[in-house]
Amino acid sequence: MRGGRPLVYLDSGATSQKPTVVLDAERDFYATHNAAVHRGAHQLAEEATEAFEAARATVAAFIGADSESVVFTKNGTEAINLVAYALSNAGADGALDGADPEAASRLRLGPGDEIVVTVMEHHANLVPWQELARRTGATLRWLDITDDGQLVPPETAIGHRTRVLAVTQVSNVLATHHDLTPYVQAARSHGALVVVDACQSVPHLPVDVQQLAGGGVDFLAFTGHKVLGPSGIGVLYGRPELLAAMPPFLTGGSMIEVVRMEGSTYAPPPQRFEAGVPVAAQAVGLAAACDYLTAVGMDRVAAHDQVLMRHALGTLASRGWVRVLGPAEPEPRVGAVAFTVDGVHPHDVGQVLDDQGVAVRTGHHCAWPLHRRLGVTASTRVSFGVYTTTEEVDAFVAALDTVPAVFGLAV
């Protein structure tokens, strides 16, 4: 880095660095199996299709799902938008013809219905629901947080009118790891759909969609590039009966069953939601990332994250000019520490750190409402990966300790 300094990469919450096996898997696909998936009857096309579907099975197993319940998308944002847009399409005439009546009834929203989010959501799990409320006439409500970054009780927003609960498992700012069980159970008791943003949890914790929150959730989204995989691929898990009832998000080639000039019918999930040539090389790369993490052991990954969290919080606690956002203790936290420095804008803090080779994130982290709730305009965030070391945390703190002198703070 600048001045010959070694890189201290503490921005894994934005995107992760990639193991060699991931780079090799993606390159090998292009070098030896490259063809359009689900098209053509020649050997190369068959190999490409087999590799793509094998990748789906690997990724599905990584989160405790079956292959038919895993849809590949462009990223986690698109995965959440897929659900929200399908729900808005569900109200159109004929959109749910032939669908299971019970599943179809859960997909229709209208005036009087409520969509519940939380004040700490990433914009990717907020703006799509704002748009769904606008298109359907439903009302958007939200769960607040306590001053230490915990969710308030579910009954403050979840009630008999709730039709969708969209909630993050781990906050990308406060790093709070929520016990979603009471919130999911409250939503389930009213027949509401539960959508979980797992973009910040899947890279750090064992996640099982069948067991999560004491009985599973309806939809779960995460993105490949945060979990050691390639950019350009995301994952949506959905309960099979719901995916089978949902109208498509994008239309065109690959996702069809029969096409006539008068109209078309659509393939069963997951192909129904994968229009066009799929992201085959990226899927193969993501499967390699899942295999890599499985070999390491997600319990070990989670334990390593806690070592880093305890070390970072313990070190920052002795610096009175630093305000850590979120829980003070490490146990309810995963993956990141966001903070402010008294009297110094986070962008300036980030510049000082960058000058010393320490890569962090500054700004509102796509969570403007949360920062407003906390009474700050922005924050600086350090975030960890499986490759992060305590020595790198120490290097960050040493660089941070130069901030008061640079800006003339009395400490």
Protein backbone atom coordinates (compact mmCIF):
# COMPACT_ATOMS: atom_id res chain seq x y z
CA MET A 1 0.00 0.00 0.00
CA ARG A 2 1.06 3.66 0.13
CA GLY A 3 4.60 4.08 1.38
CA GLY A 4 5.24 0.35 1.12
CA ARG A 5 2.94 -0.43 4.06
CA PRO A 6 1.29 -3.85 4.24
CA LEU A 7 -2.43 -4.01 3.61
CA VAL A 8 -4.63 -4.38 6.67
CA TYR A 9 -7.99 -5.30 5.13
CA LEU A 10 -10.83 -4.64 7.57
CA ASP A 11 -13.67 -4.14 5.08
CA SER A 12 -14.91 -7.71 4.72
CA GLY A 13 -18.45 -6.62 5.59
CA ALA A 14 -18.47 -4.78 2.25
CA THR A 15 -16.83 -7.58 0.27
CA SER A 16 -14.58 -10.49 1.16
CA GLN A 17 -11.23 -11.48 -0.28
CA LYS A 18 -11.27 -14.79 -2.17
CA PRO A 19 -9.39 -18.03 -1.46
CA THR A 20 -7.31 -19.45 -4.30
CA VAL A 21 -9.69 -22.41 -4.61
CA VAL A 22 -12.51 -20.02 -5.51
CA LEU A 23 -10.44 -18.27 -8.17
CA ASP A 24 -9.30 -21.65 -9.53
CA ALA A 25 -12.85 -23.04 -9.66
CA GLU A 26 -14.17 -20.10 -11.64
CA ARG A 27 -11.21 -20.12 -14.01
CA ASP A 28 -11.45 -23.89 -14.50
CA PHE A 29 -15.11 -23.59 -15.50
CA TYR A 30 -14.27 -21.03 -18.16
CA ALA A 31 -11.23 -22.98 -19.33
CA THR A 32 -12.74 -26.47 -19.55
CA HIS A 33 -16.57 -26.40 -19.30
CA ASN A 34 -17.66 -23.05 -20.70
CA ALA A 35 -21.02 -23.28 -22.47
CA ALA A 36 -24.53 -21.90 -22.04
CA VAL A 37 -26.24 -23.74 -19.19
CA HIS A 38 -29.57 -25.52 -19.86
CA ARG A 39 -29.09 -24.97 -23.58
CA GLY A 40 -27.76 -27.28 -26.25
CA ALA A 41 -27.35 -31.05 -26.36
CA HIS A 42 -23.60 -31.17 -26.95
CA GLN A 43 -21.13 -32.49 -24.40
CA LEU A 44 -19.80 -29.12 -23.29
CA ALA A 45 -23.31 -27.81 -22.62
CA GLU A 46 -24.07 -30.94 -20.61
CA GLU A 47 -20.89 -30.49 -18.56
CA ALA A 48 -21.70 -26.84 -17.90
CA THR A 49 -25.23 -27.70 -16.81
CA GLU A 50 -24.00 -30.47 -14.53
CA ALA A 51 -21.46 -28.13 -12.93
CA PHE A 52 -24.08 -25.43 -12.44
CA GLU A 53 -26.63 -27.73 -10.83
CA ALA A 54 -23.96 -29.41 -8.69
CA ALA A 55 -23.03 -25.93 -7.46
CA ARG A 56 -26.67 -25.30 -6.58
CA ALA A 57 -26.75 -28.50 -4.53
CA THR A 58 -23.57 -27.50 -2.68
CA VAL A 59 -24.81 -24.00 -1.89
CA ALA A 60 -28.19 -25.36 -0.80
CA ALA A 61 -26.58 -27.88 1.55
CA PHE A 62 -24.43 -25.11 3.04
CA ILE A 63 -27.58 -23.44 4.41
CA GLY A 64 -29.53 -26.62 5.13
CA ALA A 65 -31.80 -26.36 2.10
CA ASP A 66 -32.84 -28.57 -0.81
CA SER A 67 -31.71 -27.70 -4.33
CA GLU A 68 -35.19 -26.91 -5.63
CA SER A 69 -35.59 -24.19 -2.98
CA VAL A 70 -32.44 -22.25 -3.97
CA VAL A 71 -32.61 -19.55 -6.66
CA PHE A 72 -29.48 -17.89 -7.99
CA THR A 73 -29.70 -14.12 -8.39
CA LYS A 74 -27.27 -11.29 -9.12
CA ASN A 75 -26.76 -10.46 -5.43
CA GLY A 76 -28.59 -10.32 -2.11
CA THR A 77 -30.34 -7.11 -3.10
CA GLU A 78 -31.85 -8.73 -6.17
CA ALA A 79 -32.89 -11.75 -4.10
CA ILE A 80 -34.93 -9.54 -1.76
CA ASN A 81 -36.33 -7.56 -4.68
CA LEU A 82 -37.39 -10.82 -6.32
CA VAL A 83 -39.67 -11.59 -3.37
CA ALA A 84 -41.02 -8.05 -3.06
CA TYR A 85 -41.71 -7.73 -6.78
CA ALA A 86 -43.35 -11.14 -6.97
CA LEU A 87 -45.66 -10.11 -4.13
CA SER A 88 -46.61 -6.95 -6.00
CA ASN A 89 -47.32 -9.03 -9.13
CA ALA A 90 -49.45 -11.46 -7.16
CA GLY A 91 -52.37 -9.05 -7.15
CA ALA A 92 -52.62 -8.90 -10.94
CA ASP A 93 -55.49 -10.71 -12.67
CA GLY A 94 -54.54 -14.29 -13.37
CA ALA A 95 -51.11 -14.04 -11.72
CA LEU A 96 -51.88 -16.85 -9.29
CA ASP A 97 -54.03 -19.03 -11.53
CA GLY A 98 -53.35 -22.67 -10.74
CA ALA A 99 -51.38 -21.85 -7.59
CA ASP A 100 -52.01 -23.67 -4.32
CA PRO A 101 -54.84 -21.68 -2.71
CA GLU A 102 -53.25 -21.57 0.75
CA ALA A 103 -49.88 -20.41 -0.60
CA ALA A 104 -51.58 -17.93 -2.94
CA SER A 105 -53.53 -16.36 -0.09
CA ARG A 106 -50.27 -15.54 1.69
CA LEU A 107 -48.86 -13.74 -1.36
CA ARG A 108 -51.61 -11.16 -1.87
CA LEU A 109 -51.26 -7.76 -0.20
CA GLY A 110 -53.55 -4.75 -0.28
CA PRO A 111 -54.81 -1.76 1.70
CA GLY A 112 -55.10 -2.55 5.40
CA ASP A 113 -52.25 -5.05 5.29
CA GLU A 114 -48.92 -4.25 6.98
CA ILE A 115 -45.29 -4.90 6.12
CA VAL A 116 -42.94 -4.83 9.11
CA VAL A 117 -39.21 -4.09 8.91
CA THR A 118 -36.73 -2.78 11.49
CA VAL A 119 -35.03 0.58 11.80
CA MET A 120 -31.63 -1.10 11.42
CA GLU A 121 -32.18 -2.61 7.99
CA HIS A 122 -29.74 -2.18 5.13
CA HIS A 123 -31.41 -0.22 2.34
CA ALA A 124 -31.62 -3.49 0.38
CA ASN A 125 -34.09 -4.79 2.97
CA LEU A 126 -35.97 -1.52 3.33
CA VAL A 127 -36.47 0.22 -0.02
CA PRO A 128 -38.01 -2.84 -1.77
CA TRP A 129 -40.64 -3.02 0.98
CA GLN A 130 -41.32 0.71 0.76
CA GLU A 131 -41.97 0.17 -2.93
CA LEU A 132 -44.17 -2.86 -2.28
CA ALA A 133 -46.24 -0.82 0.17
CA ARG A 134 -46.58 1.95 -2.41
CA ARG A 135 -47.66 -0.44 -5.18
CA THR A 136 -50.15 -2.43 -3.10
CA GLY A 137 -51.53 0.16 -0.70
CA ALA A 138 -50.18 -1.76 2.30
CA THR A 139 -48.72 0.11 5.26
CA LEU A 140 -45.04 -0.04 6.20
CA ARG A 141 -44.30 -0.31 9.92
CA TRP A 142 -41.02 -0.82 11.71
CA LEU A 143 -39.53 -2.17 14.89
CA ASP A 144 -37.33 0.27 16.79
CA ILE A 145 -34.15 -0.59 18.68
CA THR A 146 -32.90 0.06 22.19
CA ASP A 147 -30.00 2.44 22.70
CA ASP A 148 -27.57 -0.51 22.82
CA GLY A 149 -28.74 -1.86 19.47
CA GLN A 150 -31.20 -4.59 20.42
CA LEU A 151 -34.62 -4.96 18.82
CA VAL A 152 -37.63 -3.89 20.87
CA PRO A 153 -40.25 -6.60 21.59
CA PRO A 154 -42.18 -7.92 18.56
CA GLU A 155 -45.61 -6.85 19.79
CA THR A 156 -44.64 -3.19 19.28
CA ALA A 157 -45.12 -3.60 15.53
CA ILE A 158 -46.16 -7.17 14.66
CA GLY A 159 -49.90 -7.77 14.85
CA HIS A 160 -52.92 -9.31 13.17
CA ARG A 161 -52.53 -7.07 10.10
CA THR A 162 -48.90 -8.10 9.52
CA ARG A 163 -48.47 -9.89 6.20
CA VAL A 164 -44.68 -9.64 5.78
CA LEU A 165 -41.85 -9.44 8.31
CA ALA A 166 -38.50 -8.53 6.71
CA VAL A 167 -35.62 -8.55 9.17
CA THR A 168 -31.85 -8.81 9.20
CA GLN A 169 -30.22 -11.62 11.15
CA VAL A 170 -27.07 -9.54 11.76
CA SER A 171 -26.94 -5.74 11.47
CA ASN A 172 -24.31 -4.54 9.01
CA VAL A 173 -23.64 -1.51 11.26
CA LEU A 174 -24.26 -2.51 14.87
CA ALA A 175 -23.22 -6.14 14.27
CA THR A 176 -26.11 -7.20 16.50
CA HIS A 177 -26.92 -10.90 16.13
CA HIS A 178 -30.62 -11.12 16.77
CA ASP A 179 -32.45 -14.04 18.27
CA LEU A 180 -35.18 -13.98 15.66
CA THR A 181 -37.31 -16.66 17.32
CA PRO A 182 -39.86 -14.44 19.09
CA TYR A 183 -40.24 -12.20 16.02
CA VAL A 184 -40.66 -15.08 13.61
CA GLN A 185 -43.08 -16.84 15.93
CA ALA A 186 -45.14 -13.68 16.30
CA ALA A 187 -45.25 -13.22 12.52
CA ARG A 188 -46.04 -16.89 11.97
CA SER A 189 -48.93 -16.76 14.46
CA HIS A 190 -50.59 -14.22 12.16
CA GLY A 191 -49.79 -16.11 8.95
CA ALA A 192 -47.25 -13.51 7.82
CA LEU A 193 -44.36 -14.26 5.47
CA VAL A 194 -40.88 -14.02 7.01
CA VAL A 195 -37.98 -12.73 4.89
CA VAL A 196 -34.50 -12.79 6.44
CA ASP A 197 -31.53 -10.77 5.21
CA ALA A 198 -28.60 -13.08 5.99
CA CYS A 199 -25.90 -11.21 4.05
CA GLN A 200 -23.92 -10.50 7.23
CA SER A 201 -24.64 -13.77 9.03
CA VAL A 202 -23.90 -16.48 6.46
CA PRO A 203 -20.17 -15.52 6.21
CA HIS A 204 -19.70 -15.82 9.98
CA LEU A 205 -22.23 -18.25 11.49
CA PRO A 206 -23.72 -21.68 10.84
CA VAL A 207 -27.10 -20.96 9.20
CA ASP A 208 -29.77 -23.62 8.68
CA VAL A 209 -32.91 -22.35 7.00
CA GLN A 210 -34.90 -25.34 8.29
CA GLN A 211 -33.98 -24.71 11.92
CA LEU A 212 -33.62 -20.94 12.04
CA ALA A 213 -35.86 -19.21 14.57
CA GLY A 214 -37.30 -22.46 15.88
CA GLY A 215 -38.85 -23.83 12.71
CA GLY A 216 -37.41 -22.14 9.68
CA VAL A 217 -38.28 -19.06 7.68
CA ASP A 218 -40.10 -18.49 4.40
CA PHE A 219 -37.32 -16.69 2.52
CA LEU A 220 -33.65 -16.00 3.20
CA ALA A 221 -31.23 -14.00 1.08
CA PHE A 222 -27.46 -13.64 0.99
CA THR A 223 -24.79 -12.58 -1.45
CA GLY A 224 -21.81 -14.53 -2.74
CA HIS A 225 -19.14 -11.84 -2.64
CA LYS A 226 -19.41 -11.46 1.15
CA VAL A 227 -18.97 -15.17 1.77
CA LEU A 228 -15.59 -15.62 -0.01
CA GLY A 229 -17.34 -16.17 -3.35
CA PRO A 230 -17.36 -14.23 -6.62
CA SER A 231 -19.16 -10.99 -7.31
CA GLY A 232 -22.27 -11.14 -9.46
CA ILE A 233 -24.12 -13.94 -7.67
CA GLY A 234 -26.64 -14.00 -4.86
CA VAL A 235 -28.85 -16.64 -3.31
CA LEU A 236 -32.53 -16.71 -2.45
CA TYR A 237 -33.90 -19.56 -0.39
CA GLY A 238 -37.66 -19.93 -0.50
CA ARG A 239 -40.09 -22.51 0.80
CA PRO A 240 -40.88 -24.71 -2.21
CA GLU A 241 -44.63 -24.29 -1.96
CA LEU A 242 -44.28 -20.50 -1.96
CA LEU A 243 -41.81 -20.42 -4.84
CA ALA A 244 -44.16 -22.68 -6.81
CA ALA A 245 -47.06 -20.24 -6.30
CA MET A 246 -45.14 -17.01 -6.93
CA PRO A 247 -45.39 -15.24 -10.29
CA PRO A 248 -42.04 -14.68 -12.02
CA PHE A 249 -39.80 -11.70 -11.42
CA LEU A 250 -37.99 -11.57 -14.79
CA THR A 251 -39.23 -13.25 -17.96
CA GLY A 252 -37.67 -14.51 -21.17
CA GLY A 253 -35.55 -17.52 -22.04
CA SER A 254 -34.84 -20.45 -19.71
CA MET A 255 -37.69 -19.73 -17.31
CA ILE A 256 -40.46 -20.83 -19.66
CA GLU A 257 -42.38 -24.08 -20.07
CA VAL A 258 -44.42 -23.49 -23.27
CA VAL A 259 -44.41 -20.32 -25.36
CA ARG A 260 -47.11 -19.42 -27.88
CA MET A 261 -47.97 -16.09 -29.43
CA GLU A 262 -51.13 -16.03 -27.33
CA GLY A 263 -49.26 -16.52 -24.05
CA SER A 264 -46.72 -18.57 -22.12
CA THR A 265 -46.47 -20.93 -19.19
CA TYR A 266 -43.53 -20.99 -16.82
CA ALA A 267 -41.06 -23.58 -15.62
CA PRO A 268 -41.19 -24.78 -12.02
CA PRO A 269 -38.81 -23.20 -9.48
CA PRO A 270 -35.96 -22.52 -9.32
CA GLN A 271 -35.71 -22.11 -13.11
CA ARG A 272 -38.84 -19.94 -13.08
CA PHE A 273 -36.80 -17.18 -11.43
CA GLU A 274 -33.58 -17.53 -13.47
CA ALA A 275 -34.38 -15.91 -16.80
CA GLY A 276 -31.61 -15.78 -19.40
CA VAL A 277 -28.23 -17.48 -19.37
CA PRO A 278 -27.49 -18.18 -15.69
CA VAL A 279 -24.41 -17.17 -13.72
CA ALA A 280 -22.74 -20.55 -14.08
CA ALA A 281 -19.09 -19.70 -13.44
CA GLN A 282 -20.03 -17.57 -10.44
CA ALA A 283 -22.17 -20.39 -9.05
CA VAL A 284 -19.25 -22.80 -9.36
CA GLY A 285 -17.03 -20.27 -7.59
CA LEU A 286 -19.57 -19.79 -4.81
CA ALA A 287 -19.84 -23.55 -4.33
CA ALA A 288 -16.06 -23.68 -3.95
CA ALA A 289 -16.32 -20.96 -1.28
CA CYS A 290 -18.98 -22.97 0.56
CA ASP A 291 -16.81 -26.09 0.41
CA TYR A 292 -13.87 -24.06 1.71
CA LEU A 293 -15.84 -22.77 4.70
CA THR A 294 -17.32 -26.20 5.36
CA ALA A 295 -13.81 -27.64 5.50
CA VAL A 296 -12.74 -24.92 7.94
CA GLY A 297 -15.91 -25.46 9.96
CA MET A 298 -18.47 -22.71 10.51
CA ASP A 299 -18.34 -23.25 14.27
CA ARG A 300 -14.62 -22.46 14.12
CA VAL A 301 -15.32 -19.44 11.91
CA ALA A 302 -17.82 -18.15 14.49
CA ALA A 303 -15.38 -18.76 17.35
CA HIS A 304 -12.62 -16.92 15.49
CA ASP A 305 -14.96 -14.00 14.93
CA GLN A 306 -15.62 -13.81 18.67
CA VAL A 307 -11.88 -13.73 19.41
CA LEU A 308 -11.51 -10.76 17.08
CA MET A 309 -14.60 -9.07 18.50
CA ARG A 310 -13.46 -9.38 22.11
CA HIS A 311 -10.02 -8.10 21.19
CA ALA A 312 -11.33 -5.11 19.21
CA LEU A 313 -13.94 -4.06 21.77
CA GLY A 314 -11.55 -4.52 24.69
CA THR A 315 -8.92 -2.38 23.00
CA LEU A 316 -11.31 0.40 21.97
CA ALA A 317 -12.94 0.54 25.41
CA SER A 318 -9.88 2.26 26.87
CA ARG A 319 -10.13 5.13 24.39
CA GLY A 320 -12.66 7.56 25.76
CA TRP A 321 -12.71 9.58 22.54
CA VAL A 322 -14.14 6.62 20.62
CA ARG A 323 -17.86 5.82 20.74
CA VAL A 324 -18.65 2.25 19.71
CA LEU A 325 -22.11 1.85 18.20
CA GLY A 326 -24.16 -1.13 19.27
CA PRO A 327 -23.80 -3.62 22.11
CA ALA A 328 -20.84 -3.10 24.45
CA GLU A 329 -20.31 -6.84 24.94
CA PRO A 330 -18.96 -9.15 22.23
CA GLU A 331 -21.43 -12.03 22.56
CA PRO A 332 -24.40 -10.49 20.73
CA ARG A 333 -22.14 -9.11 18.00
CA VAL A 334 -20.92 -10.64 14.74
CA GLY A 335 -18.40 -9.51 12.17
CA ALA A 336 -18.00 -5.76 12.63
CA VAL A 337 -17.44 -2.78 14.91
CA ALA A 338 -18.77 0.63 13.88
CA PHE A 339 -17.68 3.70 15.81
CA THR A 340 -17.35 7.46 15.82
CA VAL A 341 -14.48 9.67 16.99
CA ASP A 342 -15.38 12.78 18.96
CA GLY A 343 -15.08 15.86 16.80
CA VAL A 344 -13.80 14.11 13.66
CA HIS A 345 -15.88 13.17 10.63
CA PRO A 346 -15.77 9.43 9.83
CA HIS A 347 -14.49 10.15 6.31
CA ASP A 348 -11.48 11.93 7.83
CA VAL A 349 -10.89 9.01 10.19
CA GLY A 350 -11.00 6.65 7.22
CA GLN A 351 -8.50 8.78 5.30
CA VAL A 352 -6.00 8.70 8.16
CA LEU A 353 -6.36 4.93 8.40
CA ASP A 354 -6.06 4.50 4.64
CA ASP A 355 -2.84 6.52 4.60
CA GLN A 356 -1.42 3.84 6.91
CA GLY A 357 -2.64 0.89 4.85
CA VAL A 358 -5.77 0.13 6.91
CA ALA A 359 -8.86 -0.40 4.73
CA VAL A 360 -12.17 0.34 6.49
CA ARG A 361 -15.64 1.54 5.48
CA THR A 362 -16.92 5.04 6.24
CA GLY A 363 -20.33 6.62 5.72
CA HIS A 364 -23.85 5.49 6.53
CA HIS A 365 -23.23 1.94 5.24
CA CYS A 366 -26.55 1.89 3.34
CA ALA A 367 -28.34 2.34 6.66
CA TRP A 368 -29.35 5.99 6.83
CA PRO A 369 -32.41 5.53 9.08
CA LEU A 370 -30.32 3.63 11.62
CA HIS A 371 -27.70 6.37 11.81
CA ARG A 372 -30.43 8.95 12.28
CA ARG A 373 -31.88 6.83 15.09
CA LEU A 374 -28.44 6.77 16.73
CA GLY A 375 -28.03 10.52 16.35
CA VAL A 376 -24.96 10.37 14.12
CA THR A 377 -24.50 11.35 10.49
CA ALA A 378 -22.09 8.53 9.67
CA SER A 379 -19.63 6.09 11.22
CA THR A 380 -16.39 4.25 10.60
CA ARG A 381 -16.66 0.47 10.42
CA VAL A 382 -14.05 -2.24 10.74
CA SER A 383 -15.29 -5.67 9.67
CA PHE A 384 -13.68 -9.07 9.86
CA GLY A 385 -13.24 -12.12 7.66
CA VAL A 386 -12.09 -15.65 8.30
CA TYR A 387 -8.58 -14.46 7.35
CA THR A 388 -8.46 -11.49 9.77
CA THR A 389 -5.90 -11.68 12.59
CA THR A 390 -5.63 -10.03 16.00
CA GLU A 391 -2.37 -8.49 14.79
CA GLU A 392 -4.34 -6.69 12.08
CA VAL A 393 -6.75 -5.40 14.72
CA ASP A 394 -3.75 -4.09 16.65
CA ALA A 395 -2.43 -2.39 13.51
CA PHE A 396 -5.81 -0.71 13.04
CA VAL A 397 -5.85 0.55 16.63
CA ALA A 398 -2.28 1.85 16.30
CA ALA A 399 -3.31 3.78 13.20
CA LEU A 400 -6.46 5.03 14.94
CA ASP A 401 -4.36 6.34 17.81
CA THR A 402 -2.78 8.88 15.44
CA VAL A 403 -6.17 10.52 14.76
CA PRO A 404 -6.22 12.74 17.90
CA ALA A 405 -2.81 14.20 17.09
CA VAL A 406 -3.70 14.78 13.43
CA PHE A 407 -6.85 16.71 14.34
CA GLY A 408 -5.66 18.28 17.59
CA LEU A 409 -8.05 16.45 19.91
CA ALA A 410 -7.57 16.68 23.65
CA VAL A 411 -7.56 13.11 24.92
